[in-house]
C-alpha atoms as a PDB file:
ATOM      1  CA  MET A   1      16.124   3.801   1.896  1.00  0.00           C
ATOM      2  CA  ASN A   2      18.757   0.956   0.827  1.00  0.00           C
ATOM      3  CA  LEU A   3      16.710  -1.146  -1.867  1.00  0.00           C
ATOM      4  CA  LYS A   4      19.062  -3.671  -2.332  1.00  0.00           C
ATOM      5  CA  LYS A   5      18.155  -5.140   1.397  1.00  0.00           C
ATOM      6  CA  GLU A   6      14.390  -5.039   0.473  1.00  0.00           C
ATOM      7  CA  LYS A   7      12.183  -7.608  -1.337  1.00  0.00           C
ATOM      8  CA  ILE A   8      11.174  -5.288  -4.293  1.00  0.00           C
ATOM      9  CA  TYR A   9       7.857  -6.656  -6.355  1.00  0.00           C
ATOM     10  CA  CYS A  10       7.949  -3.617  -8.589  1.00  0.00           C
ATOM     11  CA  GLU A  11       9.792  -0.409 -10.207  1.00  0.00           C
ATOM     12  CA  ASP A  12       9.739   1.953 -12.579  1.00  0.00           C
ATOM     13  CA  ARG A  13      11.096   6.049 -13.185  1.00  0.00           C
ATOM     14  CA  SER A  14       9.248   6.901 -10.947  1.00  0.00           C
ATOM     15  CA  PHE A  15       7.709   4.354  -8.009  1.00  0.00           C
ATOM     16  CA  VAL A  16       9.045   1.491  -6.013  1.00  0.00           C
ATOM     17  CA  ILE A  17       6.578  -1.126  -4.252  1.00  0.00           C
ATOM     18  CA  LEU A  18       8.359  -2.911  -2.159  1.00  0.00           C
ATOM     19  CA  ARG A  19       7.594  -5.085   1.265  1.00  0.00           C
ATOM     20  CA  THR A  20       7.231  -3.173   4.558  1.00  0.00           C
ATOM     21  CA  LYS A  21       9.987  -3.686   6.880  1.00  0.00           C
ATOM     22  CA  ASP A  22       7.378  -4.502   9.596  1.00  0.00           C
ATOM     23  CA  LEU A  23       4.864  -6.700   8.812  1.00  0.00           C
ATOM     24  CA  LYS A  24       3.076  -6.262  11.876  1.00  0.00           C
ATOM     25  CA  GLY A  25       1.360  -9.628  12.115  1.00  0.00           C
ATOM     26  CA  HIS A  26       0.487  -9.682   8.391  1.00  0.00           C
ATOM     27  CA  LYS A  27       1.559 -12.542   5.798  1.00  0.00           C
ATOM     28  CA  GLU A  28       2.311  -9.407   3.296  1.00  0.00           C
ATOM     29  CA  ARG A  29       2.456  -5.930   3.737  1.00  0.00           C
ATOM     30  CA  ILE A  30       3.505  -3.487   1.449  1.00  0.00           C
ATOM     31  CA  MET A  31       3.969   0.079   0.353  1.00  0.00           C
ATOM     32  CA  ILE A  32       4.711   2.326  -2.705  1.00  0.00           C
ATOM     33  CA  VAL A  33       7.096   5.045  -2.492  1.00  0.00           C
ATOM     34  CA  LEU A  34       7.864   7.949  -4.683  1.00  0.00           C
ATOM     35  CA  ARG A  35      11.293   7.686  -6.088  1.00  0.00           C
ATOM     36  CA  GLN A  36      11.743  11.258  -5.514  1.00  0.00           C
ATOM     37  CA  HIS A  37      11.693  12.574  -2.105  1.00  0.00           C
ATOM     38  CA  GLU A  38       8.659  14.526  -1.923  1.00  0.00           C
ATOM     39  CA  HIS A  39       5.887  15.205   0.368  1.00  0.00           C
ATOM     40  CA  THR A  40       2.954  14.980  -2.281  1.00  0.00           C
ATOM     41  CA  ILE A  41       2.495  14.062  -5.844  1.00  0.00           C
ATOM     42  CA  PRO A  42       0.365  15.389  -8.382  1.00  0.00           C
ATOM     43  CA  TYR A  43      -3.095  14.005  -8.517  1.00  0.00           C
ATOM     44  CA  LYS A  44      -2.250  12.073 -12.190  1.00  0.00           C
ATOM     45  CA  ALA A  45       0.691  10.559 -10.174  1.00  0.00           C
ATOM     46  CA  LEU A  46      -1.245   9.396  -7.654  1.00  0.00           C
ATOM     47  CA  GLU A  47      -3.597   7.617  -9.863  1.00  0.00           C
ATOM     48  CA  ARG A  48      -0.990   5.919 -11.282  1.00  0.00           C
ATOM     49  CA  ALA A  49       0.485   4.739  -7.658  1.00  0.00           C
ATOM     50  CA  LEU A  50      -2.920   3.748  -6.913  1.00  0.00           C
ATOM     51  CA  ASP A  51      -3.227   1.397 -10.010  1.00  0.00           C
ATOM     52  CA  LEU A  52       0.118  -0.015  -9.661  1.00  0.00           C
ATOM     53  CA  LEU A  53      -0.856  -0.602  -5.870  1.00  0.00           C
ATOM     54  CA  ALA A  54      -3.754  -2.399  -6.741  1.00  0.00           C
ATOM     55  CA  ASP A  55      -2.424  -4.664  -9.856  1.00  0.00           C
ATOM     56  CA  ILE A  56       0.738  -5.870  -7.705  1.00  0.00           C
ATOM     57  CA  GLY A  57      -1.630  -6.099  -4.677  1.00  0.00           C
ATOM     58  CA  ARG A  58      -3.534  -8.386  -6.587  1.00  0.00           C
ATOM     59  CA  LYS A  59      -0.485 -10.927  -6.848  1.00  0.00           C
ATOM     60  CA  VAL A  60       1.107  -9.963  -3.226  1.00  0.00           C
ATOM     61  CA  PHE A  61      -2.495 -10.539  -1.549  1.00  0.00           C
ATOM     62  CA  SER A  62      -4.060 -13.283  -4.043  1.00  0.00           C
ATOM     63  CA  TYR A  63      -4.598 -15.242  -0.509  1.00  0.00           C
ATOM     64  CA  THR A  64      -6.782 -13.039   0.642  1.00  0.00           C
ATOM     65  CA  PRO A  65     -10.354 -12.241  -0.524  1.00  0.00           C
ATOM     66  CA  LYS A  66      -9.897  -8.014  -0.049  1.00  0.00           C
ATOM     67  CA  PHE A  67      -6.869  -5.673   0.666  1.00  0.00           C
ATOM     68  CA  VAL A  68      -7.015  -1.563   1.245  1.00  0.00           C
ATOM     69  CA  VAL A  69      -4.579   1.084   0.564  1.00  0.00           C
ATOM     70  CA  MET A  70      -4.513   3.404   3.163  1.00  0.00           C
ATOM     71  CA  ASP A  71      -3.675   6.975   3.706  1.00  0.00           C
ATOM     72  CA  THR A  72      -0.607   7.672   6.114  1.00  0.00           C
ATOM     73  CA  THR A  73      -2.827   8.542   8.979  1.00  0.00           C
ATOM     74  CA  PHE A  74      -0.312   6.678  11.851  1.00  0.00           C
ATOM     75  CA  ALA A  75       2.646   6.727   9.221  1.00  0.00           C
ATOM     76  CA  THR A  76       6.285   5.714  10.765  1.00  0.00           C
ATOM     77  CA  ILE A  77       7.940   7.611   7.408  1.00  0.00           C
ATOM     78  CA  ASN A  78       6.270  11.174   7.849  1.00  0.00           C
ATOM     79  CA  ASP A  79       9.260  12.814   5.225  1.00  0.00           C
ATOM     80  CA  HIS A  80       8.370  10.862   1.860  1.00  0.00           C
ATOM     81  CA  TRP A  81       5.343  10.320  -0.081  1.00  0.00           C
ATOM     82  CA  HIS A  82       3.855   6.892   0.425  1.00  0.00           C
ATOM     83  CA  LEU A  83       1.518   4.438   0.409  1.00  0.00           C
ATOM     84  CA  VAL A  84       0.903   1.320   2.499  1.00  0.00           C
ATOM     85  CA  GLY A  85      -1.794  -1.768   1.106  1.00  0.00           C
ATOM     86  CA  THR A  86      -2.388  -4.431   3.622  1.00  0.00           C
ATOM     87  CA  ASP A  87      -4.867  -7.418   4.322  1.00  0.00           C
ATOM     88  CA  LEU A  88      -7.273  -7.281   6.765  1.00  0.00           C
ATOM     89  CA  ASN A  89      -5.918  -9.987   9.134  1.00  0.00           C
ATOM     90  CA  PRO A  90      -8.195  -9.026  12.430  1.00  0.00           C
ATOM     91  CA  LYS A  91      -5.154 -10.896  14.408  1.00  0.00           C
ATOM     92  CA  SER A  92      -2.240  -8.166  13.390  1.00  0.00           C
ATOM     93  CA  ARG A  93      -0.451  -6.201  15.646  1.00  0.00           C
ATOM     94  CA  ASP A  94      -1.993  -3.366  13.598  1.00  0.00           C
ATOM     95  CA  PHE A  95      -5.666  -4.085  12.986  1.00  0.00           C
ATOM     96  CA  GLY A  96      -7.225  -1.265  15.613  1.00  0.00           C
ATOM     97  CA  GLN A  97      -4.953   1.504  13.916  1.00  0.00           C
ATOM     98  CA  ILE A  98      -6.509  -0.036  10.064  1.00  0.00           C
ATOM     99  CA  LEU A  99      -9.774   0.452  11.211  1.00  0.00           C
ATOM    100  CA  ALA A 100      -9.099   4.138  12.910  1.00  0.00           C
ATOM    101  CA  THR A 101      -7.341   5.058   9.229  1.00  0.00           C
ATOM    102  CA  ARG A 102      -8.760   6.465   6.579  1.00  0.00           C
ATOM    103  CA  TRP A 103      -8.896   4.044   3.507  1.00  0.00           C
ATOM    104  CA  ILE A 104      -7.975   5.376   0.253  1.00  0.00           C
ATOM    105  CA  LYS A 105      -9.246   2.253  -1.710  1.00  0.00           C
ATOM    106  CA  VAL A 106     -10.750  -1.426  -1.144  1.00  0.00           C
ATOM    107  CA  ILE A 107      -9.311  -3.974  -3.450  1.00  0.00           C
ATOM    108  CA  ASP A 108     -11.883  -6.907  -4.092  1.00  0.00           C
ATOM    109  CA  ASN A 109      -9.575 -10.066  -5.507  1.00  0.00           C
ATOM    110  CA  ALA A 110     -12.819 -11.589  -6.382  1.00  0.00           C
ATOM    111  CA  ALA A 111     -14.036  -8.788  -8.798  1.00  0.00           C
ATOM    112  CA  LEU A 112     -12.331  -7.256 -12.049  1.00  0.00           C
ATOM    113  CA  GLU A 113     -13.428  -3.797 -10.608  1.00  0.00           C
ATOM    114  CA  GLU A 114     -11.954  -2.094  -7.788  1.00  0.00           C
ATOM    115  CA  THR A 115     -14.066  -0.634  -5.679  1.00  0.00           C
ATOM    116  CA  GLU A 116     -13.239   2.703  -4.487  1.00  0.00           C
ATOM    117  CA  THR A 117     -13.955   4.112  -0.756  1.00  0.00           C
ATOM    118  CA  GLN A 118     -13.915   8.072  -0.686  1.00  0.00           C
ATOM    119  CA  MET A 119     -14.425   9.234   3.095  1.00  0.00           C
END
């Protein structure tokens, strides 16, 4: 992944949060990727990734009341750990996939606390 060509919202030593290449009809669609090439990450790193994605997502998705962090059920990047954050636009090209994908977290922009969905 050539990060020089990407819209980056946040990066640190471990993670990069950037706009996905294909917005699929959404105003915004973001993902968090691990800098190291890994398939899985430890639980503590996952917690941190979810917190980062929620924090940045609140700004990126400020136009919508809720957004979700999805698991990688329909991922096009299968060889590198990542998560996608997306709005719930019913007119998007991937809305059916969003509904069919397990949501790791639902973030309510109207509330100070996130609502976690465990499925």
